[in-house]
Structures are given as C-alpha cells and as structure tokens.
Protein backbone atom coordinates (compact mmCIF):
# COMPACT_ATOMS: atom_id res chain seq x y z
CA UNK A 1 29.37 -61.15 101.96
CA UNK A 2 27.36 -61.32 98.78
CA UNK A 3 28.50 -59.52 95.68
CA UNK A 4 25.77 -57.95 93.69
CA UNK A 5 26.41 -57.80 89.98
CA UNK A 6 24.77 -55.16 87.91
CA UNK A 7 22.52 -56.07 85.06
CA UNK A 8 24.91 -54.38 82.60
CA UNK A 9 27.81 -56.47 83.86
CA UNK A 10 25.77 -59.67 83.51
CA UNK A 11 24.83 -58.75 79.93
CA UNK A 12 28.46 -58.06 79.09
CA UNK A 13 29.58 -61.39 80.59
CA UNK A 14 26.87 -63.22 78.64
CA UNK A 15 27.85 -61.33 75.47
CA UNK A 16 31.49 -62.34 75.88
CA UNK A 17 30.49 -65.93 76.61
CA UNK A 18 28.25 -65.94 73.54
CA UNK A 19 31.00 -64.50 71.37
CA UNK A 20 33.40 -67.16 72.62
CA UNK A 21 30.84 -69.86 71.89
CA UNK A 22 30.25 -68.48 68.40
CA UNK A 23 33.99 -68.22 67.84
CA UNK A 24 34.51 -71.80 68.99
CA UNK A 25 31.68 -73.01 66.75
CA UNK A 26 33.16 -71.05 63.85
CA UNK A 27 36.55 -72.58 64.51
CA UNK A 28 35.04 -76.08 64.57
CA UNK A 29 33.15 -75.37 61.36
CA UNK A 30 36.39 -74.15 59.78
CA UNK A 31 38.16 -77.33 60.84
CA UNK A 32 35.32 -79.43 59.41
CA UNK A 33 35.53 -77.56 56.11
CA UNK A 34 39.30 -78.00 55.99
CA UNK A 35 38.91 -81.72 56.73
CA UNK A 36 36.27 -82.00 54.01
CA UNK A 37 38.47 -80.17 51.52
CA UNK A 38 41.48 -82.30 52.46
CA UNK A 39 39.46 -85.51 52.13
CA UNK A 40 38.24 -84.39 48.71
CA UNK A 41 41.80 -83.56 47.63
CA UNK A 42 43.02 -86.96 48.85
CA UNK A 43 40.20 -88.70 46.95
CA UNK A 44 41.03 -86.75 43.80
CA UNK A 45 44.72 -87.58 44.17
CA UNK A 46 43.92 -91.27 44.62
CA UNK A 47 41.67 -91.21 41.54
CA UNK A 48 44.41 -89.50 39.55
CA UNK A 49 46.96 -92.08 40.71
CA UNK A 50 44.62 -94.89 39.66
CA UNK A 51 44.16 -93.24 36.26
CA UNK A 52 47.95 -93.00 35.88
CA UNK A 53 48.27 -96.73 36.69
CA UNK A 54 45.55 -97.53 34.14
CA UNK A 55 47.21 -95.40 31.47
CA UNK A 56 50.58 -96.99 32.21
CA UNK A 57 49.06 -100.47 31.79
CA UNK A 58 47.47 -99.38 28.51
CA UNK A 59 50.81 -97.96 27.34
CA UNK A 60 52.58 -101.24 28.12
CA UNK A 61 49.89 -103.20 26.26
CA UNK A 62 50.15 -100.91 23.23
CA UNK A 63 53.92 -101.16 23.29
CA UNK A 64 53.63 -104.97 23.26
CA UNK A 65 51.15 -104.81 20.37
CA UNK A 66 53.51 -102.53 18.47
CA UNK A 67 56.41 -104.93 19.03
CA UNK A 68 54.27 -107.86 17.86
CA UNK A 69 53.23 -105.98 14.74
CA UNK A 70 56.80 -104.96 14.04
CA UNK A 71 57.84 -108.60 14.26
CA UNK A 72 55.00 -109.56 11.90
CA UNK A 73 56.07 -106.80 9.49
CA UNK A 74 59.64 -108.11 9.54
CA UNK A 75 58.40 -111.64 8.80
CA UNK A 76 56.22 -110.39 5.95
CA UNK A 77 59.10 -108.35 4.54
CA UNK A 78 61.36 -111.41 4.69
CA UNK A 79 58.68 -113.45 2.89
CA UNK A 80 58.32 -110.79 0.16
CA UNK A 81 62.10 -110.76 -0.33
CA UNK A 82 62.20 -114.56 -0.47
CA UNK A 83 59.38 -114.67 -3.04
CA UNK A 84 61.08 -111.97 -5.11
CA UNK A 85 64.33 -113.93 -5.05
CA UNK A 86 62.53 -117.13 -6.06
CA UNK A 87 60.85 -115.28 -8.92
CA UNK A 88 64.21 -113.88 -10.12
CA UNK A 89 65.78 -117.33 -9.94
CA UNK A 90 62.91 -118.83 -11.88
CA UNK A 91 63.13 -116.09 -14.50
CA UNK A 92 66.89 -116.48 -14.79
CA UNK A 93 66.50 -120.22 -15.36
CA UNK A 94 64.08 -119.50 -18.14
CA UNK A 95 61.07 -120.88 -16.40
CA UNK A 96 57.69 -119.53 -17.25
CA UNK A 97 56.72 -116.62 -15.02
CA UNK A 98 53.68 -117.36 -12.94
CA UNK A 99 51.32 -114.90 -11.41
CA UNK A 100 51.77 -114.62 -7.71
C-alpha cells in the first residue's frame, strides 16, 4: 500500500527540515563565536598576567636600586659627618683651616 503525500505536505516537511538545518547552523555559528570570544578573553588574560609579572620584576628592581641608593646616601652622610668632625678638631687645635 503506497502512501501518497500531497505537495503541500512535502513543502511543509522540507520547510521544517530547512528551518532545523538553519537553526543547527546558527547554533554552531553561535558556539564558534563563543569559542572565539573565550579564546580572545583567555589571550587577553594571559597578556595581562605577563604584564603583571613584568611590572612586578620592574618593581623589585627599582626597590633594589632604591635600597642601594639609600645605602650610598648613608655612606655619604657618614663621610660628611666625619669630615665635619675632622674640620672641627683641626680648628679646635688651632690648625689652619683648609678649603675642602
């Protein structure tokens, strides 16, 4: 027994099949866009993390430089105090003041 399908029914079936195909394609495109967006976000996050590591290394280097300069300043201050004390001692002993 053969079933005869009307032309209208066939068009409706093809329309539904086409809509499903378009919907599936749209879903796949949506997934691809989400994956692309996620990949871009991950790349941006990785770049930001690398920048943070670079800035942290720069901060540590600057901190070390600051400590070195502070130590140099302390040494220079101690030298200035020592020279001032030597000058006072020389002046108190009546020695001729020299230009430093």
